[in-house]
């Protein structure tokens, strides 16, 4: 029986071990999509205890603790941090098979030197060890990024954001590149009650009044330039479904005015507005050389009682099985016909979409980059061992695995970079197994360089870091 989390964790044959240890493990990290607060980096935040750095804002862990029958007061409420940590420690050993079981122990091992197993009985030992380590200089926000060999951090930022913390990071001389990513969801979600209020705040940020749809596009263009000058080269869209319903300009204006008057818009009106706005944004991204990321098939906040109690992004979302396949194809085609399709990364929360995405991307490739349109890495509920293997295998079967831009954390925690290690071990084991079985030719140098491309170089080129 192998030891838990030994140096060959997840590496099941000699080719896999060689690919990981000789080629993958030392590569820098391009974390091109995450939710780390740039303020934490700018101020080089220090954390008082492991709960703050580990459980604060981490809806993955909240969801796990909640599933163990723990009251909300001891998850997201006002219970002491020590109690919240205890509840997580008690839930974790019951969660074998969940990636959190692996991620948690990788983080304890890599950052805190803990080789044991976290559970209810060891919680006090781990609490004291981690909290003592967190007082050391190496555990400030910036030093955690440096220690993790991170070359690039792409945060998630609203178009109305001042980006003041990104400016502070640049001026501090911090070596890893920390760039904003444009996330215009609030401008797109016209059906939300706060839409009109948000448009007013966007106008303030752009230094202009927004009273028409044309003025909205002008304000967004101004903010796009502001973001570009601040180093932004990527956008991100969290869409529940893909809209593609075109209409004349006066119809879009009518719908915009209706929403600005705080009137309800229909589903058809919502799609017309969103199609017009995304069409404009896609063209802007292409013109500026940006990457467009689209996340879809997530059902947000199905539990209305808990949404009312503690708000969004707290661990109550789930996979949506409503397919957006035809609309996504039509949307990409609309941009492509206008020579306005940017480099694009597509992520579906529904793993049933893997084959669709793996085949769709082959219909819209271009010369702007190898793998101009990407099937993004296994995302959210799919970034499990089996989920990653399925996404990688599907991508290899239907496209060019060697052009893949690799892993991201999609996390709010500065300790989540071990997820890249987890991905790299799974990748190397997959390719190593093919070599071990005689399914591909074993050339360590070639395959090693291919692995390094997927782990680092492809993303670095794709997002303009090289």
Protein backbone atom coordinates (compact mmCIF):
# COMPACT_ATOMS: atom_id res chain seq x y z
CA UNK A 1 0.00 0.00 0.00
CA UNK A 2 1.37 3.42 -0.97
CA UNK A 3 1.82 6.08 1.67
CA UNK A 4 -0.73 8.88 1.63
CA UNK A 5 0.43 11.94 -0.33
CA UNK A 6 3.97 10.68 -0.96
CA UNK A 7 6.26 12.23 -3.57
CA UNK A 8 4.64 10.10 -6.28
CA UNK A 9 1.07 10.97 -5.30
CA UNK A 10 -1.27 10.24 -8.26
CA UNK A 11 1.70 9.14 -10.42
CA UNK A 12 1.09 5.50 -11.25
CA UNK A 13 3.97 4.59 -13.55
CA UNK A 14 7.57 5.55 -14.35
CA UNK A 15 6.81 7.76 -17.37
CA UNK A 16 4.34 9.76 -15.27
CA UNK A 17 6.90 10.20 -12.49
CA UNK A 18 9.56 11.41 -14.93
CA UNK A 19 7.19 13.87 -16.61
CA UNK A 20 6.09 15.36 -13.32
CA UNK A 21 9.37 15.47 -11.37
CA UNK A 22 11.68 16.32 -14.29
CA UNK A 23 9.44 18.66 -16.25
CA UNK A 24 6.19 19.83 -14.67
CA UNK A 25 6.87 20.43 -10.99
CA UNK A 26 9.23 23.40 -11.36
CA UNK A 27 7.22 25.39 -13.89
CA UNK A 28 5.88 28.82 -12.88
CA UNK A 29 2.15 29.25 -12.38
CA UNK A 30 -0.08 31.39 -14.58
CA UNK A 31 -3.23 31.77 -12.50
CA UNK A 32 -5.22 33.55 -15.17
CA UNK A 33 -8.59 33.47 -13.38
CA UNK A 34 -9.07 33.82 -9.63
CA UNK A 35 -11.05 35.81 -7.08
CA UNK A 36 -8.22 36.94 -4.81
CA UNK A 37 -8.81 40.44 -3.48
CA UNK A 38 -6.09 42.71 -4.94
CA UNK A 39 -6.25 44.74 -1.74
CA UNK A 40 -4.81 41.77 0.16
CA UNK A 41 -1.82 41.76 -2.20
CA UNK A 42 -1.38 45.54 -2.26
CA UNK A 43 -1.39 45.73 1.53
CA UNK A 44 0.62 42.50 1.87
CA UNK A 45 -2.02 41.19 4.25
CA UNK A 46 -1.09 39.08 7.24
CA UNK A 47 -3.59 36.53 8.52
CA UNK A 48 -4.24 36.05 12.21
CA UNK A 49 -5.23 32.40 11.94
CA UNK A 50 -5.80 29.54 9.52
CA UNK A 51 -9.57 30.13 9.41
CA UNK A 52 -9.05 33.59 7.92
CA UNK A 53 -6.77 32.42 5.11
CA UNK A 54 -8.51 29.09 4.54
CA UNK A 55 -12.23 29.40 5.23
CA UNK A 56 -12.85 33.09 4.67
CA UNK A 57 -14.82 33.37 1.43
CA UNK A 58 -14.23 29.73 0.42
CA UNK A 59 -17.66 28.44 -0.56
CA UNK A 60 -16.15 25.05 -1.49
CA UNK A 61 -15.33 24.46 2.18
CA UNK A 62 -18.55 26.07 3.43
CA UNK A 63 -20.56 23.69 1.29
CA UNK A 64 -18.68 20.70 2.65
CA UNK A 65 -19.13 21.74 6.30
CA UNK A 66 -22.81 22.47 5.69
CA UNK A 67 -23.28 18.99 4.25
CA UNK A 68 -22.07 17.59 7.57
CA UNK A 69 -25.09 19.04 9.39
CA UNK A 70 -23.36 22.05 10.95
CA UNK A 71 -25.44 25.15 11.80
CA UNK A 72 -24.79 28.20 9.62
CA UNK A 73 -23.64 30.20 12.63
CA UNK A 74 -20.55 27.95 12.74
CA UNK A 75 -19.87 28.25 9.00
CA UNK A 76 -20.51 31.81 7.81
CA UNK A 77 -21.91 33.27 11.02
CA UNK A 78 -20.38 34.86 14.12
CA UNK A 79 -19.00 31.74 15.77
CA UNK A 80 -15.31 31.97 16.81
CA UNK A 81 -12.77 31.15 14.13
CA UNK A 82 -11.53 28.21 16.20
CA UNK A 83 -15.00 26.68 16.16
CA UNK A 84 -15.34 27.12 12.39
CA UNK A 85 -11.98 25.42 11.87
CA UNK A 86 -13.02 22.56 14.17
CA UNK A 87 -16.18 21.98 12.16
CA UNK A 88 -14.20 21.82 8.92
CA UNK A 89 -11.70 19.40 10.48
CA UNK A 90 -14.54 17.16 11.64
CA UNK A 91 -16.17 17.11 8.20
CA UNK A 92 -13.02 16.55 6.13
CA UNK A 93 -12.29 12.85 6.92
CA UNK A 94 -15.82 11.96 5.91
CA UNK A 95 -15.25 13.63 2.52
CA UNK A 96 -12.91 11.05 0.99
CA UNK A 97 -13.20 11.24 -2.80
CA UNK A 98 -13.84 14.99 -2.67
CA UNK A 99 -10.95 17.06 -4.08
CA UNK A 100 -10.98 19.14 -0.90
CA UNK A 101 -9.59 16.10 0.91
CA UNK A 102 -6.56 16.20 -1.38
CA UNK A 103 -6.25 19.99 -1.69
CA UNK A 104 -6.42 20.51 2.06
CA UNK A 105 -3.68 18.01 2.83
CA UNK A 106 -1.51 19.31 -0.02
CA UNK A 107 -1.80 22.83 1.41
CA UNK A 108 -0.96 21.63 4.92
CA UNK A 109 2.05 19.74 3.61
CA UNK A 110 3.44 22.31 1.17
CA UNK A 111 2.90 25.49 3.21
CA UNK A 112 2.94 24.32 6.83
CA UNK A 113 5.06 21.16 6.68
CA UNK A 114 2.32 19.05 8.24
CA UNK A 115 2.47 15.37 7.22
CA UNK A 116 -0.44 14.14 9.30
CA UNK A 117 -4.14 13.90 8.60
CA UNK A 118 -6.58 16.62 9.58
CA UNK A 119 -9.60 15.47 11.58
CA UNK A 120 -11.49 16.42 14.69
CA UNK A 121 -8.84 14.95 16.99
CA UNK A 122 -5.85 16.62 15.28
CA UNK A 123 -7.58 19.97 14.79
CA UNK A 124 -5.98 21.57 17.85
CA UNK A 125 -2.48 20.48 16.79
CA UNK A 126 -3.00 21.77 13.23
CA UNK A 127 -4.59 25.01 14.46
CA UNK A 128 -1.59 25.80 16.65
CA UNK A 129 0.98 24.79 14.02
CA UNK A 130 -0.62 26.83 11.24
CA UNK A 131 -1.23 29.90 13.39
CA UNK A 132 2.38 29.93 14.55
CA UNK A 133 3.59 29.67 10.95
CA UNK A 134 1.25 32.46 9.84
CA UNK A 135 3.14 34.88 12.08
CA UNK A 136 6.34 34.32 10.07
CA UNK A 137 7.27 36.81 7.28
CA UNK A 138 6.99 34.12 4.60
CA UNK A 139 3.23 33.94 5.16
CA UNK A 140 2.27 37.45 4.10
CA UNK A 141 0.11 37.69 0.97
CA UNK A 142 2.96 38.68 -1.33
CA UNK A 143 5.33 36.08 0.07
CA UNK A 144 2.76 33.31 -0.32
CA UNK A 145 2.53 34.20 -4.02
CA UNK A 146 6.32 34.29 -4.36
CA UNK A 147 6.76 31.00 -2.50
CA UNK A 148 4.22 29.38 -4.82
CA UNK A 149 6.26 30.26 -7.94
CA UNK A 150 3.41 32.32 -9.38
CA UNK A 151 4.27 34.41 -12.44
CA UNK A 152 0.82 35.88 -13.07
CA UNK A 153 -2.37 36.50 -11.12
CA UNK A 154 -5.52 37.52 -12.97
CA UNK A 155 -8.04 38.93 -10.52
CA UNK A 156 -11.75 39.53 -11.20
CA UNK A 157 -12.78 43.19 -11.36
CA UNK A 158 -15.91 45.21 -12.09
CA UNK A 159 -15.71 47.84 -14.89
CA UNK A 160 -16.53 50.57 -12.34
CA UNK A 161 -13.59 49.61 -10.09
CA UNK A 162 -10.92 52.26 -9.57
CA UNK A 163 -8.16 49.62 -9.77
CA UNK A 164 -6.38 51.57 -7.06
CA UNK A 165 -4.96 48.42 -5.51
CA UNK A 166 -3.60 47.20 -8.83
CA UNK A 167 -1.87 50.55 -9.20
CA UNK A 168 -0.37 50.15 -5.73
CA UNK A 169 0.85 46.64 -6.56
CA UNK A 170 2.57 47.84 -9.74
CA UNK A 171 4.19 50.77 -7.97
CA UNK A 172 5.48 48.54 -5.18
CA UNK A 173 7.76 46.71 -7.62
CA UNK A 174 6.19 43.34 -6.86
CA UNK A 175 7.74 40.92 -9.38
CA UNK A 176 4.83 38.58 -10.22
CA UNK A 177 2.41 40.30 -12.55
CA UNK A 178 -0.99 41.00 -10.98
CA UNK A 179 -3.51 42.22 -13.54
CA UNK A 180 -7.20 43.02 -13.45
CA UNK A 181 -9.67 40.98 -15.48
CA UNK A 182 -12.77 42.72 -16.80
CA UNK A 183 -15.98 41.19 -15.36
CA UNK A 184 -19.00 43.19 -16.65
CA UNK A 185 -21.73 40.90 -15.28
CA UNK A 186 -23.62 43.71 -13.57
CA UNK A 187 -23.87 45.65 -16.84
CA UNK A 188 -25.10 42.53 -18.63
CA UNK A 189 -27.69 41.33 -16.11
CA UNK A 190 -30.38 43.78 -17.11
CA UNK A 191 -33.06 41.80 -15.24
CA UNK A 192 -31.54 42.48 -11.80
CA UNK A 193 -33.26 44.98 -9.47
CA UNK A 194 -30.06 47.00 -9.00
CA UNK A 195 -29.36 47.37 -12.75
CA UNK A 196 -30.30 51.08 -13.04
CA UNK A 197 -28.34 51.96 -9.91
CA UNK A 198 -25.31 50.12 -11.21
CA UNK A 199 -25.44 51.91 -14.57
CA UNK A 200 -25.40 55.22 -12.68
CA UNK A 201 -22.26 54.16 -10.77
CA UNK A 202 -20.64 53.01 -14.00
CA UNK A 203 -21.33 56.43 -15.49
CA UNK A 204 -19.67 58.07 -12.49
CA UNK A 205 -16.58 55.89 -12.97
CA UNK A 206 -16.50 56.77 -16.69
CA UNK A 207 -17.01 60.49 -15.99
CA UNK A 208 -20.23 60.76 -17.97
CA UNK A 209 -23.97 60.39 -17.72
CA UNK A 210 -25.49 57.22 -19.11
CA UNK A 211 -29.05 57.72 -20.24
CA UNK A 212 -29.04 55.78 -23.54
CA UNK A 213 -27.71 52.45 -24.75
CA UNK A 214 -25.26 54.28 -27.03
CA UNK A 215 -23.91 56.16 -24.02
CA UNK A 216 -23.56 52.86 -22.15
CA UNK A 217 -21.35 51.55 -24.96
CA UNK A 218 -19.30 54.75 -24.86
CA UNK A 219 -18.84 54.47 -21.10
CA UNK A 220 -17.81 50.82 -21.37
CA UNK A 221 -15.34 51.71 -24.12
CA UNK A 222 -13.81 54.35 -21.85
CA UNK A 223 -13.49 51.86 -19.04
CA UNK A 224 -12.04 49.22 -21.36
CA UNK A 225 -9.26 51.67 -22.24
CA UNK A 226 -8.72 52.38 -18.54
CA UNK A 227 -8.44 48.66 -17.80
CA UNK A 228 -6.17 48.08 -20.79
CA UNK A 229 -3.80 50.80 -19.60
CA UNK A 230 -3.76 49.08 -16.19
CA UNK A 231 -2.51 45.85 -17.79
CA UNK A 232 -5.82 44.03 -18.30
CA UNK A 233 -5.76 41.55 -21.18
CA UNK A 234 -8.68 39.30 -20.28
CA UNK A 235 -12.41 39.54 -19.74
CA UNK A 236 -14.63 37.09 -17.94
CA UNK A 237 -18.37 36.52 -18.18
CA UNK A 238 -20.48 34.51 -15.77
CA UNK A 239 -23.57 33.67 -17.82
CA UNK A 240 -26.37 31.38 -16.69
CA UNK A 241 -27.20 30.75 -20.34
CA UNK A 242 -25.86 31.96 -23.68
CA UNK A 243 -27.95 34.68 -25.34
CA UNK A 244 -28.10 35.04 -29.12
CA UNK A 245 -31.20 36.95 -30.20
CA UNK A 246 -30.52 39.89 -32.50
CA UNK A 247 -32.78 42.92 -33.01
CA UNK A 248 -32.68 46.42 -34.46
CA UNK A 249 -31.00 49.18 -32.50
CA UNK A 250 -34.21 50.96 -31.57
CA UNK A 251 -35.52 47.76 -29.95
CA UNK A 252 -32.35 47.46 -27.84
CA UNK A 253 -32.76 51.10 -26.82
CA UNK A 254 -36.38 50.53 -25.84
CA UNK A 255 -35.42 47.60 -23.63
CA UNK A 256 -32.58 49.57 -22.04
CA UNK A 257 -34.93 52.45 -21.21
CA UNK A 258 -37.44 50.03 -19.74
CA UNK A 259 -34.82 48.62 -17.37
CA UNK A 260 -33.54 52.10 -16.47
CA UNK A 261 -37.11 52.96 -15.46
CA UNK A 262 -36.96 49.89 -13.17
CA UNK A 263 -39.58 48.00 -15.15
CA UNK A 264 -39.45 44.23 -15.51
CA UNK A 265 -37.95 42.93 -18.76
CA UNK A 266 -39.05 39.66 -20.35
CA UNK A 267 -36.74 36.75 -21.08
CA UNK A 268 -36.82 37.64 -24.79
CA UNK A 269 -35.99 41.29 -24.05
CA UNK A 270 -33.19 40.25 -21.74
CA UNK A 271 -31.63 38.10 -24.47
CA UNK A 272 -31.93 40.86 -27.08
CA UNK A 273 -30.15 43.35 -24.81
CA UNK A 274 -27.46 40.88 -23.74
CA UNK A 275 -26.77 39.82 -27.33
CA UNK A 276 -26.27 43.43 -28.41
CA UNK A 277 -23.97 44.18 -25.47
CA UNK A 278 -21.90 41.01 -25.80
CA UNK A 279 -21.61 41.59 -29.55
CA UNK A 280 -20.14 45.02 -28.85
CA UNK A 281 -17.83 43.73 -26.13
CA UNK A 282 -16.60 40.81 -28.23
CA UNK A 283 -15.56 43.20 -30.96
CA UNK A 284 -13.78 45.43 -28.43
CA UNK A 285 -11.88 42.46 -27.01
CA UNK A 286 -10.80 41.36 -30.48
CA UNK A 287 -9.66 44.87 -31.39
CA UNK A 288 -7.60 45.17 -28.22
CA UNK A 289 -6.14 41.65 -28.39
CA UNK A 290 -7.88 40.53 -25.21
CA UNK A 291 -9.04 37.05 -24.20
CA UNK A 292 -12.79 36.51 -23.71
CA UNK A 293 -13.69 33.94 -21.07
CA UNK A 294 -17.26 32.65 -20.86
CA UNK A 295 -18.50 30.57 -17.93
CA UNK A 296 -22.00 29.12 -18.30
CA UNK A 297 -24.45 26.41 -17.20
CA UNK A 298 -24.39 27.41 -13.54
CA UNK A 299 -27.69 27.56 -11.66
CA UNK A 300 -27.28 30.44 -9.23
CA UNK A 301 -28.90 30.55 -5.79
CA UNK A 302 -31.63 27.89 -6.15
CA UNK A 303 -32.17 28.06 -2.36
CA UNK A 304 -34.07 31.33 -2.05
CA UNK A 305 -34.29 31.15 1.73
CA UNK A 306 -30.52 30.97 2.17
CA UNK A 307 -29.93 33.55 -0.54
CA UNK A 308 -32.12 35.96 1.39
CA UNK A 309 -30.27 35.11 4.61
CA UNK A 310 -26.61 35.27 3.57
CA UNK A 311 -26.48 36.35 -0.08
CA UNK A 312 -24.74 35.05 -3.23
CA UNK A 313 -21.47 33.12 -3.61
CA UNK A 314 -21.90 31.24 -0.35
CA UNK A 315 -22.01 27.65 -1.60
CA UNK A 316 -25.58 27.14 -2.79
CA UNK A 317 -25.09 27.18 -6.58
CA UNK A 318 -25.26 24.02 -8.67
CA UNK A 319 -24.90 22.59 -12.17
CA UNK A 320 -27.54 23.65 -14.72
CA UNK A 321 -28.47 21.03 -17.32
CA UNK A 322 -30.14 23.48 -19.72
CA UNK A 323 -28.00 23.30 -22.86
CA UNK A 324 -26.86 26.49 -24.56
CA UNK A 325 -25.16 24.62 -27.38
CA UNK A 326 -26.92 26.08 -30.42
CA UNK A 327 -26.96 29.61 -29.03
CA UNK A 328 -23.25 29.47 -28.18
CA UNK A 329 -22.45 28.28 -31.69
CA UNK A 330 -24.60 31.07 -33.15
CA UNK A 331 -22.97 33.68 -30.88
CA UNK A 332 -19.43 32.68 -31.92
CA UNK A 333 -20.54 32.62 -35.55
CA UNK A 334 -22.02 36.13 -35.23
CA UNK A 335 -18.69 37.49 -34.01
CA UNK A 336 -16.68 35.45 -36.52
CA UNK A 337 -18.72 36.77 -39.47
CA UNK A 338 -17.84 40.30 -38.37
CA UNK A 339 -14.15 39.43 -37.91
CA UNK A 340 -14.73 40.27 -34.25
CA UNK A 341 -14.16 36.92 -32.52
CA UNK A 342 -11.40 37.33 -29.92
CA UNK A 343 -9.32 34.60 -28.36
CA UNK A 344 -11.98 32.77 -26.38
CA UNK A 345 -12.05 30.30 -23.48
CA UNK A 346 -15.28 28.37 -22.91
CA UNK A 347 -16.14 26.74 -19.58
CA UNK A 348 -19.34 24.82 -18.89
CA UNK A 349 -20.30 23.73 -15.40
CA UNK A 350 -22.16 20.80 -16.95
CA UNK A 351 -19.67 17.97 -17.69
CA UNK A 352 -22.10 16.64 -20.29
CA UNK A 353 -20.99 19.60 -22.43
CA UNK A 354 -17.41 18.31 -22.72
CA UNK A 355 -17.90 16.64 -26.10
CA UNK A 356 -19.87 19.60 -27.42
CA UNK A 357 -17.16 22.08 -26.38
CA UNK A 358 -14.33 19.85 -27.55
CA UNK A 359 -15.91 19.71 -31.00
CA UNK A 360 -17.19 23.31 -31.15
CA UNK A 361 -13.77 24.87 -30.62
CA UNK A 362 -12.53 23.17 -33.79
CA UNK A 363 -15.10 25.11 -35.78
CA UNK A 364 -13.71 28.55 -34.87
CA UNK A 365 -9.92 28.35 -34.72
CA UNK A 366 -7.74 31.09 -36.18
CA UNK A 367 -4.20 32.29 -36.69
CA UNK A 368 -4.14 34.71 -33.73
CA UNK A 369 -2.92 31.93 -31.43
CA UNK A 370 -2.45 28.20 -31.32
CA UNK A 371 -5.76 27.08 -29.96
CA UNK A 372 -7.44 30.46 -30.44
CA UNK A 373 -10.70 29.07 -29.04
CA UNK A 374 -10.13 26.92 -25.95
CA UNK A 375 -12.15 24.37 -24.05
CA UNK A 376 -11.35 25.74 -20.60
CA UNK A 377 -10.13 23.56 -17.78
CA UNK A 378 -12.50 21.49 -15.64
CA UNK A 379 -14.29 24.18 -13.67
CA UNK A 380 -15.81 24.39 -10.17
CA UNK A 381 -17.75 21.16 -9.56
CA UNK A 382 -15.62 19.50 -12.26
CA UNK A 383 -12.12 20.22 -10.93
CA UNK A 384 -12.04 16.80 -9.31
CA UNK A 385 -9.59 14.05 -10.24
CA UNK A 386 -12.13 12.31 -12.46
CA UNK A 387 -13.44 15.62 -13.79
CA UNK A 388 -9.97 16.76 -14.86
CA UNK A 389 -9.19 13.40 -16.42
CA UNK A 390 -12.48 13.52 -18.34
CA UNK A 391 -11.90 17.06 -19.62
CA UNK A 392 -8.29 16.34 -20.62
CA UNK A 393 -9.20 13.06 -22.33
CA UNK A 394 -12.07 14.66 -24.19
CA UNK A 395 -9.90 17.56 -25.30
CA UNK A 396 -7.18 15.15 -26.47
CA UNK A 397 -9.72 13.05 -28.36
CA UNK A 398 -11.32 15.96 -30.18
CA UNK A 399 -8.70 18.71 -30.45
CA UNK A 400 -4.99 19.33 -29.75
CA UNK A 401 -4.08 18.68 -26.13
CA UNK A 402 -0.64 20.24 -26.61
CA UNK A 403 -2.22 23.67 -27.23
CA UNK A 404 -4.22 23.64 -23.98
CA UNK A 405 -3.71 26.63 -21.63
CA UNK A 406 -3.92 24.54 -18.47
CA UNK A 407 -5.20 25.09 -14.95
CA UNK A 408 -6.52 28.02 -12.91
CA UNK A 409 -7.52 28.24 -9.25
CA UNK A 410 -10.83 30.15 -9.48
CA UNK A 411 -10.20 30.70 -5.78
CA UNK A 412 -10.29 33.40 -3.12
CA UNK A 413 -7.50 31.78 -1.10
CA UNK A 414 -3.76 32.47 -1.37
CA UNK A 415 -3.11 28.85 -0.41
CA UNK A 416 -4.94 27.40 -3.41
CA UNK A 417 -1.93 27.22 -5.71
CA UNK A 418 -1.50 23.55 -4.84
CA UNK A 419 -4.45 23.02 -7.18
CA UNK A 420 -1.95 23.57 -9.99
CA UNK A 421 0.21 20.80 -8.55
CA UNK A 422 -2.87 18.57 -8.37
CA UNK A 423 -3.67 19.29 -12.03
CA UNK A 424 -0.07 18.74 -13.13
CA UNK A 425 0.13 15.36 -11.43
CA UNK A 426 -3.13 14.29 -13.08
CA UNK A 427 -1.92 15.55 -16.48
CA UNK A 428 1.43 13.77 -16.20
CA UNK A 429 -0.21 10.56 -15.06
CA UNK A 430 -2.60 10.63 -18.01
CA UNK A 431 0.15 11.14 -20.58
CA UNK A 432 2.49 8.78 -18.74
CA UNK A 433 -0.15 6.05 -18.78
CA UNK A 434 -0.58 6.43 -22.53
CA UNK A 435 3.19 6.00 -22.90
CA UNK A 436 3.30 3.08 -20.47
CA UNK A 437 0.57 1.33 -22.45
CA UNK A 438 2.29 1.93 -25.79
CA UNK A 439 -0.50 4.24 -26.97
CA UNK A 440 1.95 7.07 -27.71
CA UNK A 441 5.66 7.11 -28.51
CA UNK A 442 7.82 7.64 -25.42
CA UNK A 443 10.14 10.56 -26.06
CA UNK A 444 10.79 12.14 -22.68
CA UNK A 445 12.17 15.41 -24.03
CA UNK A 446 9.28 15.94 -26.45
CA UNK A 447 6.57 14.95 -23.98
CA UNK A 448 8.29 16.87 -21.19
CA UNK A 449 8.27 20.04 -23.27
CA UNK A 450 4.64 19.41 -24.18
CA UNK A 451 3.78 19.13 -20.48
CA UNK A 452 5.65 22.38 -19.75
CA UNK A 453 3.69 24.07 -22.54
CA UNK A 454 0.40 23.01 -20.97
CA UNK A 455 1.51 23.91 -17.44
CA UNK A 456 2.92 27.34 -18.27
CA UNK A 457 4.09 28.43 -21.72
CA UNK A 458 0.78 28.15 -23.59
CA UNK A 459 -1.05 30.33 -21.07
CA UNK A 460 1.84 32.79 -20.89
CA UNK A 461 1.67 33.31 -24.66
CA UNK A 462 -2.13 33.25 -24.81
CA UNK A 463 -2.51 36.01 -22.21
CA UNK A 464 0.34 38.08 -23.61
CA UNK A 465 2.91 37.53 -20.86
CA UNK A 466 5.61 36.61 -23.38
